[in-house]
Amino acid sequence: MTIRQAHGKKRLLITGGAGFIGINAAEHFIKKGWFVIILDNYSRIGAKDNIAWLTGNYKGKFEVIVCDITRDLGKLKNAVTRVSAVLHLAGQVAVTTSVENPRDDFERNALGAFNVLEAIRNSKNRPTLLYSSTNKVYGGLEHEAVVEEKSRYSFKSLKFGVDETAPLDFHSPYGCSKGTADQYIRDYARIYDLDTVVLRQSCIYGPHQFGIEDQGWVAWFTIASLMDRPVKIYGNGKQVRDVLFVSDLTNLYDLCLRNIKKVRGEVFNVGGGQKNTMSLIEFMPKLEKITDKKLSWKFGKVRPGDQPIFVADTRKAKKLLGWEPRVNIDAGLDKLAQWVKDNQKVLKKYL
């Protein structure tokens, strides 16, 4: 028996595991029988609250290592040697923050991912690596014709959305740092024979998401609505995203790990697809109906690097893994709204 399978359990390391996606992934894999090691520096709001929730429900089935992957290389390397798979989620997550502080963004995203890669490459066990990339690596998609309709933008010719063959265009420091990591991780599968998968994620939402104005807009608008806070729409509100409920994402992570020899070195565009798209101004009445509250908002200027529309073509993931979104927008928003209602006391600390 190896260290990675001590106590009869597979072991998974989640960097940034105290964040929104990380805590949902931890719960998913714990339920699947994995022992989870969470590595986090607690820089995100709500991180300690998420860990407290996980402890209350799954104590003894995970451990937490407080670590900054840009600096605490000893802790990172040691954690990597103890697992059979790494889910790399740690990083800076907002375009606006990257514009304000591009060096910090580069260190957290590009250098952090490089450190994870090197820790894996130099380990004896060489665990599988799944990387949470972003649709921002495609930039503003200026080469694609966009049609402005009454309440949304739409692609003129992309029937299924953006697929993995679309040209990369790292617009904004965030796009550059995430894109750098994206390409390093893809190439390490080729050059060093590592088992890696890159997932270029669109708009993910769900419980345990402490959304703020700069990042996590579906959660932020839901929180603002239920807690009587105004919101700002940047641009005309016709921007479209394909939203994906977080449990669908963690299911995809699971499928990648179970089929790693089939998908190693691959890149997947991951989102809700054409069936789960909405613009900001289409979202407002839907949210007001779910929360039974009137939302107050105002308009602001378009932010740098903000795509007028992004819809992921998810057919590759379906073809290779049989994966497709299962939770539709209405069901997902109901679950998110219920989580917000149940956690207003915690959320008030950050408003």
Protein backbone atom coordinates (compact mmCIF):
# COMPACT_ATOMS: atom_id res chain seq x y z
CA MET A 1 0.00 0.00 0.00
CA THR A 2 1.34 3.43 -0.95
CA ILE A 3 1.16 6.66 1.02
CA ARG A 4 -1.38 7.90 -1.52
CA GLN A 5 -3.79 5.11 -0.57
CA ALA A 6 -3.19 4.93 3.17
CA HIS A 7 -6.20 3.80 5.20
CA GLY A 8 -7.70 2.33 2.02
CA LYS A 9 -8.59 5.74 0.57
CA LYS A 10 -7.50 7.59 -2.52
CA ARG A 11 -6.08 10.99 -1.67
CA LEU A 12 -6.82 14.26 -3.44
CA LEU A 13 -5.07 17.59 -2.95
CA ILE A 14 -7.19 20.68 -3.67
CA THR A 15 -5.24 23.93 -3.85
CA GLY A 16 -7.54 26.81 -3.02
CA GLY A 17 -9.79 24.21 -1.46
CA ALA A 18 -11.44 26.59 0.99
CA GLY A 19 -12.93 28.64 -1.83
CA PHE A 20 -16.31 28.25 -3.48
CA ILE A 21 -15.46 25.59 -6.07
CA GLY A 22 -12.91 23.98 -3.78
CA ILE A 23 -15.30 23.37 -0.92
CA ASN A 24 -17.90 21.89 -3.26
CA ALA A 25 -15.25 19.68 -4.85
CA ALA A 26 -14.07 18.58 -1.40
CA GLU A 27 -17.58 17.52 -0.44
CA HIS A 28 -18.07 15.70 -3.74
CA PHE A 29 -14.90 13.64 -3.46
CA ILE A 30 -15.32 12.95 0.26
CA LYS A 31 -18.71 11.46 -0.58
CA LYS A 32 -16.98 9.35 -3.23
CA GLY A 33 -14.62 7.90 -0.62
CA TRP A 34 -11.56 10.08 -1.15
CA PHE A 35 -9.53 11.60 1.66
CA VAL A 36 -9.11 15.29 0.78
CA ILE A 37 -6.19 17.53 1.63
CA ILE A 38 -7.10 21.20 1.35
CA LEU A 39 -4.28 23.66 0.78
CA ASP A 40 -5.31 27.31 1.16
CA ASN A 41 -3.93 30.65 2.37
CA TYR A 42 -7.39 31.91 3.45
CA SER A 43 -7.09 35.06 1.32
CA ARG A 44 -10.66 34.83 -0.01
CA ILE A 45 -13.61 36.08 2.00
CA GLY A 46 -15.69 33.24 3.36
CA ALA A 47 -12.83 30.71 3.23
CA LYS A 48 -12.78 30.06 6.96
CA ASP A 49 -16.58 29.87 7.02
CA ASN A 50 -16.47 27.23 4.30
CA ILE A 51 -13.94 25.18 6.26
CA ALA A 52 -16.07 25.50 9.39
CA TRP A 53 -19.05 24.14 7.44
CA LEU A 54 -16.99 21.25 6.03
CA THR A 55 -15.68 20.42 9.50
CA GLY A 56 -19.20 20.33 10.89
CA ASN A 57 -20.26 17.82 8.27
CA TYR A 58 -17.16 15.79 7.41
CA LYS A 59 -14.74 16.02 10.32
CA GLY A 60 -11.93 13.48 10.07
CA LYS A 61 -12.38 13.01 6.33
CA PHE A 62 -10.12 15.87 5.27
CA GLU A 63 -7.26 18.00 6.52
CA VAL A 64 -6.27 21.61 5.95
CA ILE A 65 -2.77 22.93 5.29
CA VAL A 66 -2.43 26.71 5.49
CA CYS A 67 -0.06 27.51 2.66
CA ASP A 68 0.73 30.11 0.01
CA ILE A 69 1.76 28.21 -3.13
CA THR A 70 3.84 31.14 -4.36
CA ARG A 71 6.08 31.03 -1.28
CA ASP A 72 5.60 27.93 0.88
CA LEU A 73 7.20 25.51 -1.55
CA GLY A 74 8.17 23.01 1.13
CA LYS A 75 4.57 22.57 2.26
CA LEU A 76 3.39 22.34 -1.34
CA LYS A 77 5.95 19.69 -2.31
CA ASN A 78 5.19 17.62 0.78
CA ALA A 79 1.45 17.71 0.11
CA VAL A 80 1.96 16.65 -3.52
CA THR A 81 3.89 13.54 -2.42
CA ARG A 82 0.89 12.34 -0.40
CA VAL A 83 -1.76 12.23 -3.11
CA SER A 84 -2.73 10.53 -6.36
CA ALA A 85 -4.43 13.61 -7.85
CA VAL A 86 -4.26 17.40 -7.59
CA LEU A 87 -7.11 19.78 -8.36
CA HIS A 88 -5.49 23.17 -8.83
CA LEU A 89 -7.97 25.95 -8.03
CA ALA A 90 -5.80 28.42 -6.09
CA GLY A 91 -5.26 31.82 -7.64
CA GLN A 92 -6.41 35.37 -8.16
CA VAL A 93 -9.90 35.31 -9.66
CA ALA A 94 -10.96 38.80 -10.79
CA VAL A 95 -10.13 40.71 -13.99
CA THR A 96 -10.51 44.05 -12.21
CA THR A 97 -8.04 43.09 -9.48
CA SER A 98 -5.53 41.96 -12.11
CA VAL A 99 -5.70 45.36 -13.77
CA GLU A 100 -5.08 47.10 -10.44
CA ASN A 101 -2.21 44.81 -9.40
CA PRO A 102 -0.85 42.79 -12.35
CA ARG A 103 2.27 41.59 -10.50
CA ASP A 104 0.27 40.00 -7.70
CA ASP A 105 -2.06 38.47 -10.29
CA PHE A 106 0.92 37.00 -12.19
CA GLU A 107 2.45 35.54 -9.05
CA ARG A 108 -0.78 33.95 -7.84
CA ASN A 109 -1.87 32.53 -11.18
CA ALA A 110 1.14 31.95 -13.44
CA LEU A 111 3.86 31.38 -10.83
CA GLY A 112 1.52 29.49 -8.50
CA ALA A 113 0.55 27.05 -11.25
CA PHE A 114 4.20 26.66 -12.27
CA ASN A 115 5.12 25.78 -8.69
CA VAL A 116 2.39 23.12 -8.60
CA LEU A 117 3.62 21.69 -11.91
CA GLU A 118 7.22 21.53 -10.75
CA ALA A 119 6.23 19.93 -7.46
CA ILE A 120 4.42 17.22 -9.43
CA ARG A 121 7.18 16.78 -12.02
CA ASN A 122 9.85 16.35 -9.34
CA SER A 123 7.81 13.98 -7.17
CA LYS A 124 8.11 10.20 -7.33
CA ASN A 125 4.35 9.65 -7.42
CA ARG A 126 3.60 12.29 -10.14
CA PRO A 127 -0.12 12.70 -9.40
CA THR A 128 -2.73 13.61 -11.98
CA LEU A 129 -3.36 17.35 -12.32
CA LEU A 130 -6.68 19.01 -13.17
CA TYR A 131 -6.43 22.75 -13.75
CA SER A 132 -9.24 25.28 -13.40
CA SER A 133 -8.59 27.64 -16.32
CA THR A 134 -10.95 30.27 -17.71
CA ASN A 135 -12.82 31.35 -20.82
CA LYS A 136 -10.86 34.62 -20.56
CA VAL A 137 -7.99 32.93 -22.44
CA TYR A 138 -10.06 33.58 -25.60
CA GLY A 139 -10.05 37.33 -25.03
CA GLY A 140 -12.85 39.49 -26.39
CA LEU A 141 -13.52 37.19 -29.37
CA GLU A 142 -13.33 40.21 -31.66
CA HIS A 143 -12.95 37.92 -34.67
CA GLU A 144 -16.48 36.55 -34.12
CA ALA A 145 -19.44 38.59 -35.37
CA VAL A 146 -21.88 39.47 -32.58
CA VAL A 147 -25.51 40.48 -33.05
CA GLU A 148 -27.19 42.87 -30.60
CA GLU A 149 -30.76 41.81 -29.90
CA LYS A 150 -33.43 43.30 -27.66
CA SER A 151 -32.21 41.81 -24.39
CA ARG A 152 -28.93 40.06 -25.27
CA TYR A 153 -25.98 39.62 -27.56
CA SER A 154 -25.69 36.51 -29.69
CA PHE A 155 -23.04 35.02 -31.94
CA LYS A 156 -23.83 35.41 -35.62
CA SER A 157 -22.40 32.06 -36.68
CA LEU A 158 -21.34 30.00 -33.64
CA LYS A 159 -24.34 27.71 -33.31
CA PHE A 160 -22.91 25.73 -30.38
CA GLY A 161 -20.67 28.40 -28.86
CA VAL A 162 -16.88 28.63 -28.59
CA ASP A 163 -14.98 25.38 -28.99
CA GLU A 164 -11.43 24.48 -28.02
CA THR A 165 -10.00 25.30 -31.46
CA ALA A 166 -10.80 29.02 -31.09
CA PRO A 167 -7.65 31.19 -31.19
CA LEU A 168 -6.23 32.22 -27.84
CA ASP A 169 -6.07 35.94 -27.09
CA PHE A 170 -4.98 36.75 -23.54
CA HIS A 171 -6.86 40.02 -22.94
CA SER A 172 -6.26 41.63 -19.50
CA PRO A 173 -3.53 40.68 -17.01
CA TYR A 174 -5.89 38.02 -15.64
CA GLY A 175 -6.26 36.47 -19.09
CA CYS A 176 -2.47 36.55 -19.51
CA SER A 177 -1.69 34.93 -16.16
CA LYS A 178 -4.36 32.24 -16.44
CA GLY A 179 -3.48 31.65 -20.09
CA THR A 180 0.20 31.24 -19.21
CA ALA A 181 -0.67 28.59 -16.63
CA ASP A 182 -3.13 26.98 -19.06
CA GLN A 183 -0.42 26.51 -21.70
CA TYR A 184 2.27 25.37 -19.26
CA ILE A 185 -0.04 22.70 -17.88
CA ARG A 186 -1.03 21.54 -21.33
CA ASP A 187 2.60 21.36 -22.44
CA TYR A 188 3.83 19.48 -19.36
CA ALA A 189 1.63 16.58 -20.48
CA ARG A 190 3.58 16.53 -23.76
CA ILE A 191 7.10 17.35 -22.59
CA TYR A 192 7.22 15.59 -19.22
CA ASP A 193 4.54 12.93 -19.73
CA LEU A 194 2.38 14.19 -16.89
CA ASP A 195 -1.32 13.36 -16.64
CA THR A 196 -2.89 16.82 -16.91
CA VAL A 197 -6.25 18.19 -18.02
CA VAL A 198 -7.11 21.86 -18.56
CA LEU A 199 -10.71 22.97 -18.01
CA ARG A 200 -11.52 26.41 -19.41
CA GLN A 201 -14.44 27.28 -17.21
CA SER A 202 -17.19 29.75 -17.93
CA CYS A 203 -19.56 31.17 -15.28
CA ILE A 204 -19.78 28.74 -12.34
CA TYR A 205 -22.28 29.37 -9.53
CA GLY A 206 -23.77 27.65 -6.51
CA PRO A 207 -23.74 27.37 -2.70
CA HIS A 208 -20.73 28.48 -0.65
CA GLN A 209 -20.02 31.23 -3.17
CA PHE A 210 -19.32 34.48 -1.33
CA GLY A 211 -19.82 36.50 -4.50
CA ILE A 212 -18.66 40.09 -4.73
CA GLU A 213 -19.08 42.78 -7.38
CA ASP A 214 -15.77 41.92 -9.09
CA GLN A 215 -16.26 38.16 -9.27
CA GLY A 216 -19.08 35.67 -8.91
CA TRP A 217 -21.84 37.88 -10.29
CA VAL A 218 -24.67 35.32 -10.12
CA ALA A 219 -24.04 34.80 -6.40
CA TRP A 220 -23.41 38.50 -5.78
CA PHE A 221 -26.70 39.57 -7.38
CA THR A 222 -28.54 36.88 -5.43
CA ILE A 223 -26.95 37.94 -2.15
CA ALA A 224 -27.65 41.62 -2.91
CA SER A 225 -31.26 40.90 -3.75
CA LEU A 226 -31.99 38.95 -0.59
CA MET A 227 -30.07 41.36 1.64
CA ASP A 228 -31.34 44.60 0.12
CA ARG A 229 -28.10 45.82 -1.43
CA PRO A 230 -27.86 47.76 -4.72
CA VAL A 231 -25.83 46.37 -7.62
CA LYS A 232 -24.08 47.87 -10.64
CA ILE A 233 -24.32 46.53 -14.17
CA TYR A 234 -21.20 47.25 -16.20
CA GLY A 235 -22.19 47.96 -19.79
CA ASN A 236 -25.73 47.75 -21.16
CA GLY A 237 -26.62 44.49 -19.43
CA LYS A 238 -26.96 42.51 -22.65
CA GLN A 239 -23.75 40.57 -21.97
CA VAL A 240 -24.43 36.83 -22.15
CA ARG A 241 -22.86 33.96 -20.21
CA ASP A 242 -23.58 30.26 -20.11
CA VAL A 243 -23.91 29.51 -16.42
CA LEU A 244 -23.01 26.16 -14.89
CA PHE A 245 -24.11 24.90 -11.49
CA VAL A 246 -21.13 23.80 -9.42
CA SER A 247 -22.25 20.17 -8.94
CA ASP A 248 -22.09 19.71 -12.72
CA LEU A 249 -18.51 20.95 -12.64
CA THR A 250 -17.45 18.62 -9.82
CA ASN A 251 -19.03 15.73 -11.73
CA LEU A 252 -16.78 16.61 -14.66
CA TYR A 253 -13.71 16.69 -12.41
CA ASP A 254 -14.68 13.20 -11.26
CA LEU A 255 -15.07 11.92 -14.81
CA CYS A 256 -11.67 13.33 -15.78
CA LEU A 257 -9.95 11.52 -12.92
CA ARG A 258 -11.71 8.24 -13.64
CA ASN A 259 -10.83 8.46 -17.33
CA ILE A 260 -7.44 10.16 -17.12
CA LYS A 261 -5.65 7.91 -19.59
CA LYS A 262 -8.29 8.79 -22.16
CA VAL A 263 -8.22 12.55 -21.62
CA ARG A 264 -4.65 13.28 -20.45
CA GLY A 265 -3.28 16.35 -22.22
CA GLU A 266 -6.73 17.47 -23.29
CA VAL A 267 -8.38 20.90 -22.97
CA PHE A 268 -12.12 21.25 -22.39
CA ASN A 269 -14.38 24.28 -22.61
CA VAL A 270 -16.71 23.98 -19.65
CA GLY A 271 -19.95 25.88 -19.12
CA GLY A 272 -23.69 25.57 -19.18
CA GLY A 273 -23.76 25.55 -22.98
CA GLN A 274 -26.52 26.95 -25.18
CA LYS A 275 -29.29 25.56 -22.98
CA ASN A 276 -28.14 27.59 -19.95
CA THR A 277 -27.46 31.08 -21.26
CA MET A 278 -28.74 34.39 -19.96
CA SER A 279 -27.88 38.06 -20.14
CA LEU A 280 -27.70 40.30 -17.11
CA ILE A 281 -30.98 42.04 -17.87
CA GLU A 282 -32.65 38.68 -18.49
CA PHE A 283 -31.33 37.50 -15.14
CA MET A 284 -32.89 40.37 -13.18
CA PRO A 285 -36.60 39.44 -13.51
CA LYS A 286 -35.75 35.77 -13.05
CA LEU A 287 -33.93 36.57 -9.81
CA GLU A 288 -36.71 38.85 -8.56
CA LYS A 289 -39.22 36.06 -9.12
CA ILE A 290 -37.10 33.55 -7.19
CA THR A 291 -36.35 35.89 -4.27
CA ASP A 292 -39.71 37.69 -4.34
CA LYS A 293 -37.81 40.96 -3.89
CA LYS A 294 -37.17 43.99 -6.09
CA LEU A 295 -33.51 44.44 -6.98
CA SER A 296 -32.04 47.93 -7.17
CA TRP A 297 -29.37 48.51 -9.83
CA LYS A 298 -27.56 51.16 -11.87
CA PHE A 299 -25.38 51.07 -14.97
CA GLY A 300 -21.63 51.68 -15.25
CA LYS A 301 -18.95 51.62 -17.96
CA VAL A 302 -17.86 48.36 -19.57
CA ARG A 303 -14.90 46.83 -17.73
CA PRO A 304 -11.65 45.88 -19.55
CA GLY A 305 -11.54 42.33 -20.86
CA ASP A 306 -15.30 41.82 -20.48
CA GLN A 307 -16.62 39.71 -23.35
CA PRO A 308 -20.04 40.79 -24.72
CA ILE A 309 -20.88 37.11 -25.00
CA PHE A 310 -19.32 33.81 -24.10
CA VAL A 311 -20.98 30.45 -24.54
CA ALA A 312 -18.91 27.29 -24.21
CA ASP A 313 -19.27 24.59 -26.83
CA THR A 314 -19.28 21.56 -24.53
CA ARG A 315 -19.58 18.87 -27.18
CA LYS A 316 -15.99 17.68 -26.73
CA ALA A 317 -16.60 16.84 -23.05
CA LYS A 318 -19.77 15.02 -24.04
CA LYS A 319 -18.02 13.08 -26.80
CA LEU A 320 -15.03 11.96 -24.72
CA LEU A 321 -16.61 11.67 -21.27
CA GLY A 322 -20.37 11.56 -21.77
CA TRP A 323 -20.65 14.75 -19.71
CA GLU A 324 -23.26 17.46 -20.07
CA PRO A 325 -24.93 19.89 -17.64
CA ARG A 326 -27.79 18.41 -15.64
CA VAL A 327 -28.91 21.32 -13.45
CA ASN A 328 -30.88 23.94 -15.37
CA ILE A 329 -30.80 27.64 -14.51
CA ASP A 330 -34.05 27.77 -12.55
CA ALA A 331 -33.18 24.75 -10.38
CA GLY A 332 -29.64 26.05 -9.80
CA LEU A 333 -30.80 29.53 -8.82
CA ASP A 334 -33.33 28.04 -6.41
CA LYS A 335 -30.53 26.13 -4.67
CA LEU A 336 -28.26 29.16 -4.56
CA ALA A 337 -31.02 31.40 -3.20
CA GLN A 338 -31.82 28.88 -0.47
CA TRP A 339 -28.17 28.77 0.58
CA VAL A 340 -28.10 32.58 0.78
CA LYS A 341 -31.28 32.60 2.87
CA ASP A 342 -29.83 30.01 5.24
CA ASN A 343 -26.53 31.88 5.64
CA GLN A 344 -27.49 35.54 5.89
CA LYS A 345 -25.89 35.88 9.31
CA VAL A 346 -22.53 34.75 7.92
CA LEU A 347 -22.85 36.81 4.74
CA LYS A 348 -23.60 40.02 6.67
CA LYS A 349 -20.02 39.98 7.97
CA TYR A 350 -18.75 40.74 4.46
CA LEU A 351 -21.28 43.35 3.31
